[in-house]
Amino acid sequence: QVQLVESGGGLVQAGGSLRLSCAASGRTFNISPYAMGWFRQAPGKERSVVATISWSGSTTYYAYSVKGQFTISRNNAKNTVYLQMNSLKPEDTAVYYCARSKLRYGSGSTSANDYDYWGQGTQVTVSS
């Protein structure tokens, strides 16, 4: 079975930090040739992009609301993508999902429709 598995979520006070990881599992499931994205969905809101990273890691995109606060990175040797989240705010509370782009060797997309494999999500709760 191939899948993406997120970890690292939890409860943190405002101003704190968390590092999310997204690991690909499955013998033939390789994320290294694919752009990856982190999305989040808060209660009552639509899923929205947080950050994306190209297959090589050379190109990144951040939603305006997290620019300068979050950092996306990847380690293709470990088949893993990360999201470092600093200076967390209560409005960052959401379920965070990682996703693999449909296209190989792309730079990433802000549209959820351009991703075909999704993790199960990890809850991030920021208390005030």
Foldseek 3Di string as FASTA:
>chain_A
DWAWAKDFADEEAAQAKIKIKIAIDDPPDAQLQWKKFKWWDDPPGDIWTAKIAFSPRPAMDGDPVCVVFKDWGDDRVRRMIMIIGGRDDQVVWTWMKMFTFPDTRDGDDGDPVRTDGMHPTDTHGYHD
